N, C-alpha and C. Protein backbone atom coordinates (compact mmCIF):
# COMPACT_ATOMS: atom_id res chain seq x y z
N UNK A 1 181.70 19.98 52.15
CA UNK A 1 183.31 19.61 51.00
C UNK A 1 184.01 20.70 50.32
N UNK A 2 185.24 20.35 51.13
CA UNK A 2 186.13 20.84 50.48
C UNK A 2 186.91 20.03 49.67
N UNK A 3 187.31 20.18 47.95
CA UNK A 3 187.62 19.47 47.05
C UNK A 3 188.68 19.96 46.47
N UNK A 4 189.65 19.18 46.48
CA UNK A 4 191.32 19.26 46.24
C UNK A 4 191.58 18.27 44.81
N UNK A 5 192.24 19.13 44.44
CA UNK A 5 193.19 18.20 43.21
C UNK A 5 194.28 18.09 43.83
N UNK A 6 194.61 16.56 43.52
CA UNK A 6 196.52 16.76 43.85
C UNK A 6 196.37 15.54 42.51
N UNK A 7 197.99 15.84 42.21
CA UNK A 7 198.72 15.78 41.09
C UNK A 7 200.27 14.81 41.72
N UNK A 8 200.41 13.94 40.88
CA UNK A 8 201.54 13.37 40.84
C UNK A 8 202.69 13.00 39.91
N UNK A 9 203.57 13.16 40.08
CA UNK A 9 204.42 12.79 38.26
C UNK A 9 205.87 12.63 38.87
N UNK A 10 206.62 12.04 38.40
CA UNK A 10 207.82 10.98 38.68
C UNK A 10 208.06 10.02 37.56
N UNK A 11 209.39 9.67 37.81
CA UNK A 11 209.62 8.21 37.23
C UNK A 11 208.83 7.17 38.13
N UNK A 12 208.30 6.20 37.62
CA UNK A 12 207.53 5.03 38.34
C UNK A 12 208.25 4.59 39.08
N UNK A 13 208.15 3.92 40.21
CA UNK A 13 208.57 3.00 41.23
C UNK A 13 207.79 2.52 42.23
N UNK A 14 208.00 1.43 42.94
CA UNK A 14 206.82 0.83 43.88
C UNK A 14 206.45 1.58 44.88
N UNK A 15 205.23 1.71 45.56
CA UNK A 15 205.00 2.35 46.03
C UNK A 15 204.27 3.73 46.18
N UNK A 16 204.35 4.46 44.98
CA UNK A 16 203.96 5.63 45.40
C UNK A 16 202.23 6.18 45.32
N UNK A 17 201.88 5.42 44.80
CA UNK A 17 200.27 5.31 45.31
C UNK A 17 200.14 5.06 46.49
N UNK A 18 200.68 4.13 47.01
CA UNK A 18 200.54 3.37 48.85
C UNK A 18 201.27 4.54 49.55
N UNK A 19 202.03 5.20 49.30
CA UNK A 19 202.74 6.40 49.78
C UNK A 19 201.39 7.87 50.57
N UNK A 20 200.97 7.86 49.22
CA UNK A 20 200.38 9.22 49.17
C UNK A 20 198.63 8.72 49.88
N UNK A 21 198.35 7.60 49.00
CA UNK A 21 197.28 7.12 49.72
C UNK A 21 197.13 6.75 51.55
N UNK A 22 198.14 6.28 51.87
CA UNK A 22 198.10 6.06 53.61
C UNK A 22 198.53 7.38 53.98
N UNK A 23 199.11 8.59 53.68
CA UNK A 23 198.95 9.95 53.81
C UNK A 23 197.69 10.84 54.25
N UNK A 24 196.71 10.34 53.23
CA UNK A 24 195.28 10.83 52.73
C UNK A 24 194.73 10.32 53.92
N UNK A 25 194.80 8.76 54.19
CA UNK A 25 193.87 8.40 54.92
C UNK A 25 194.32 8.73 56.57
N UNK A 26 195.09 8.95 56.93
CA UNK A 26 195.70 9.29 58.07
C UNK A 26 195.10 10.24 58.28
N UNK A 27 195.30 11.45 57.35
CA UNK A 27 194.69 12.53 57.97
C UNK A 27 193.07 12.72 57.55
N UNK A 28 192.26 11.89 57.21
CA UNK A 28 190.56 11.78 57.18
C UNK A 28 190.59 12.83 56.24
N UNK A 29 191.01 12.28 54.77
CA UNK A 29 190.93 13.04 53.41
C UNK A 29 190.32 11.92 52.74
N UNK A 30 189.16 12.01 51.84
CA UNK A 30 188.71 10.70 51.25
C UNK A 30 188.76 11.18 49.84
N UNK A 31 189.54 9.99 49.02
CA UNK A 31 189.66 10.12 47.32
C UNK A 31 188.40 9.61 47.13
N UNK A 32 187.78 10.78 46.00
CA UNK A 32 186.60 10.89 45.57
C UNK A 32 186.91 10.00 44.05
N UNK A 33 187.94 10.47 43.63
CA UNK A 33 188.44 10.01 41.74
C UNK A 33 190.00 9.81 41.59
N UNK A 34 189.96 8.82 41.30
CA UNK A 34 191.44 9.01 41.04
C UNK A 34 191.99 7.97 39.68
N UNK A 35 193.14 8.60 39.04
CA UNK A 35 193.46 8.33 37.77
C UNK A 35 194.73 8.25 37.59
N UNK A 36 195.44 7.22 37.60
CA UNK A 36 197.02 6.83 37.57
C UNK A 36 197.39 5.95 35.81
N UNK A 37 198.25 7.08 35.48
CA UNK A 37 198.62 5.91 34.06
C UNK A 37 200.35 5.91 34.43
N UNK A 38 200.93 4.94 33.67
CA UNK A 38 202.55 4.78 33.13
C UNK A 38 202.72 5.20 31.86
N UNK A 39 203.50 6.21 31.57
CA UNK A 39 203.61 5.98 30.00
C UNK A 39 205.41 6.28 29.96
N UNK A 40 205.82 5.27 29.19
CA UNK A 40 207.31 5.09 28.96
C UNK A 40 208.15 5.26 30.52
N UNK A 41 207.53 4.55 31.25
CA UNK A 41 208.65 4.73 32.98
C UNK A 41 208.15 5.88 33.49
N UNK A 42 207.04 7.06 32.93
CA UNK A 42 206.90 8.33 34.06
C UNK A 42 205.08 7.72 34.20
N UNK A 43 205.62 7.92 35.69
CA UNK A 43 204.49 8.26 36.64
C UNK A 43 203.36 9.12 36.75
N UNK A 44 201.88 9.60 36.47
CA UNK A 44 201.22 10.41 36.49
C UNK A 44 200.06 10.01 36.85
N UNK A 45 199.36 10.92 38.22
CA UNK A 45 198.59 10.17 38.92
C UNK A 45 197.46 11.98 38.96
N UNK A 46 196.33 11.94 38.73
CA UNK A 46 195.45 12.85 39.16
C UNK A 46 194.82 12.59 39.86
N UNK A 47 194.31 12.97 41.41
CA UNK A 47 193.58 12.29 42.30
C UNK A 47 192.34 13.69 42.69
N UNK A 48 191.28 13.44 42.88
CA UNK A 48 189.96 14.43 43.62
C UNK A 48 189.68 14.08 45.03
N UNK A 49 190.24 14.99 45.92
CA UNK A 49 189.58 14.21 47.01
C UNK A 49 189.00 15.13 48.08
N UNK A 50 188.59 14.86 49.15
CA UNK A 50 187.79 15.55 49.62
C UNK A 50 187.86 15.84 51.36
N UNK A 51 188.65 16.87 51.08
CA UNK A 51 189.53 17.33 52.49
C UNK A 51 188.73 17.74 53.46
N UNK A 52 187.44 17.76 54.04
CA UNK A 52 186.38 17.82 54.75
C UNK A 52 186.31 19.38 54.92
N UNK A 53 185.90 19.97 55.92
CA UNK A 53 185.54 20.73 56.15
C UNK A 53 187.36 21.78 57.11
N UNK A 54 187.43 20.76 57.63
CA UNK A 54 188.28 21.73 58.78
C UNK A 54 189.68 21.29 58.48
N UNK A 55 190.25 20.72 57.20
CA UNK A 55 191.18 20.31 56.32
C UNK A 55 192.06 21.70 56.40
N UNK A 56 193.43 21.86 56.65
CA UNK A 56 194.49 22.92 56.48
C UNK A 56 194.88 22.84 55.37
N UNK A 57 194.43 23.47 54.02
CA UNK A 57 195.12 22.99 52.16
C UNK A 57 196.72 23.06 52.93
N UNK A 58 197.12 24.38 53.28
CA UNK A 58 198.17 24.67 52.97
C UNK A 58 198.86 23.55 53.65
N UNK A 59 198.83 22.85 54.80
CA UNK A 59 199.78 21.97 55.40
C UNK A 59 199.85 21.06 54.29
N UNK A 60 198.40 20.43 54.15
CA UNK A 60 198.36 19.21 53.35
C UNK A 60 199.23 19.42 51.96
N UNK A 61 199.23 20.40 51.52
CA UNK A 61 199.99 20.66 50.27
C UNK A 61 201.53 20.68 50.65
N UNK A 62 202.18 20.98 51.60
CA UNK A 62 203.39 21.30 52.20
C UNK A 62 204.13 19.86 52.28
N UNK A 63 203.16 19.03 53.02
CA UNK A 63 203.30 17.81 53.84
C UNK A 63 203.36 16.72 52.54
N UNK A 64 202.49 17.02 51.44
CA UNK A 64 202.50 16.07 50.28
C UNK A 64 203.72 16.10 49.45
N UNK A 65 204.08 17.56 49.20
CA UNK A 65 205.26 18.21 48.34
C UNK A 65 206.86 17.07 49.24
N UNK A 66 206.66 17.17 50.55
CA UNK A 66 207.84 16.59 51.29
C UNK A 66 208.07 15.05 50.85
N UNK A 67 206.60 14.42 51.15
CA UNK A 67 206.37 13.12 50.55
C UNK A 67 206.88 12.86 49.28
N UNK A 68 206.63 13.89 48.36
CA UNK A 68 207.44 13.40 46.97
C UNK A 68 208.54 13.60 46.60
N UNK A 69 209.02 14.62 47.35
CA UNK A 69 210.39 15.09 47.75
C UNK A 69 211.38 13.43 47.95
N UNK A 70 210.43 12.87 48.91
CA UNK A 70 210.74 11.76 49.82
C UNK A 70 211.17 10.99 49.08
N UNK A 71 210.35 10.56 48.19
CA UNK A 71 210.28 9.12 47.21
C UNK A 71 210.54 9.68 45.84
N UNK A 72 211.13 10.88 45.59
CA UNK A 72 211.18 10.83 44.19
C UNK A 72 210.48 11.33 43.59
N UNK A 73 209.38 12.43 43.70
CA UNK A 73 208.33 12.75 42.82
C UNK A 73 207.64 13.86 42.96
N UNK A 74 207.01 14.87 41.95
CA UNK A 74 206.64 16.11 42.28
C UNK A 74 204.78 15.76 42.61
N UNK A 75 204.58 16.38 43.87
CA UNK A 75 203.18 16.35 44.17
C UNK A 75 202.73 17.52 44.32
N UNK A 76 201.50 18.27 43.61
CA UNK A 76 201.16 19.11 44.07
C UNK A 76 199.44 18.86 44.63
N UNK A 77 198.97 19.62 45.01
CA UNK A 77 197.75 19.99 45.84
C UNK A 77 197.00 21.44 46.16
N UNK A 78 195.91 21.02 45.41
CA UNK A 78 195.36 22.84 45.24
C UNK A 78 193.77 22.66 45.43
N UNK A 79 193.34 23.88 45.78
CA UNK A 79 191.86 23.67 45.67
C UNK A 79 191.07 23.86 44.74
N UNK A 80 190.43 22.89 44.39
CA UNK A 80 189.64 22.58 42.89
C UNK A 80 189.30 24.12 42.50
N UNK A 81 188.69 24.80 43.29
CA UNK A 81 188.25 26.13 42.29
C UNK A 81 190.07 26.51 41.69
N UNK A 82 190.72 26.80 42.34
CA UNK A 82 191.99 27.35 41.70
C UNK A 82 192.72 26.52 40.47
N UNK A 83 192.36 25.58 41.14
CA UNK A 83 192.96 24.35 39.54
C UNK A 83 191.66 24.68 38.50
N UNK A 84 190.59 24.84 38.43
CA UNK A 84 189.92 25.13 37.75
C UNK A 84 190.18 26.34 36.60
N UNK A 85 190.40 27.42 38.36
CA UNK A 85 190.72 28.77 36.83
C UNK A 85 191.82 28.83 36.28
N UNK A 86 192.80 28.04 36.70
CA UNK A 86 193.90 27.66 36.18
C UNK A 86 194.29 26.63 34.77
N UNK A 87 192.83 26.22 34.42
CA UNK A 87 192.29 25.56 33.62
C UNK A 87 191.42 25.79 32.70
N UNK A 88 190.73 27.26 32.65
CA UNK A 88 190.04 27.03 31.87
C UNK A 88 190.54 27.43 30.52
N UNK A 89 189.80 27.33 29.54
CA UNK A 89 190.04 27.71 28.10
C UNK A 89 189.44 29.22 27.80
């Protein structure tokens, strides 16, 4: 299992979750956990996904970033190990 952390942040609008989840499904990425909230018009979503053994994390990250630009949000995708190292106390 290749766990990735995906974060999506930006102004709320219709279709953000649909666009991201459609891309993930089309690329064989399984959503393991998802949390999203809207605070004062700002959308924030964090996902833990299983990208399988063959998924190219760099490609997924780049394409998700492009989708984010297209819909007006910022999307980051990184391997779980990198995320954990960056956020440990």
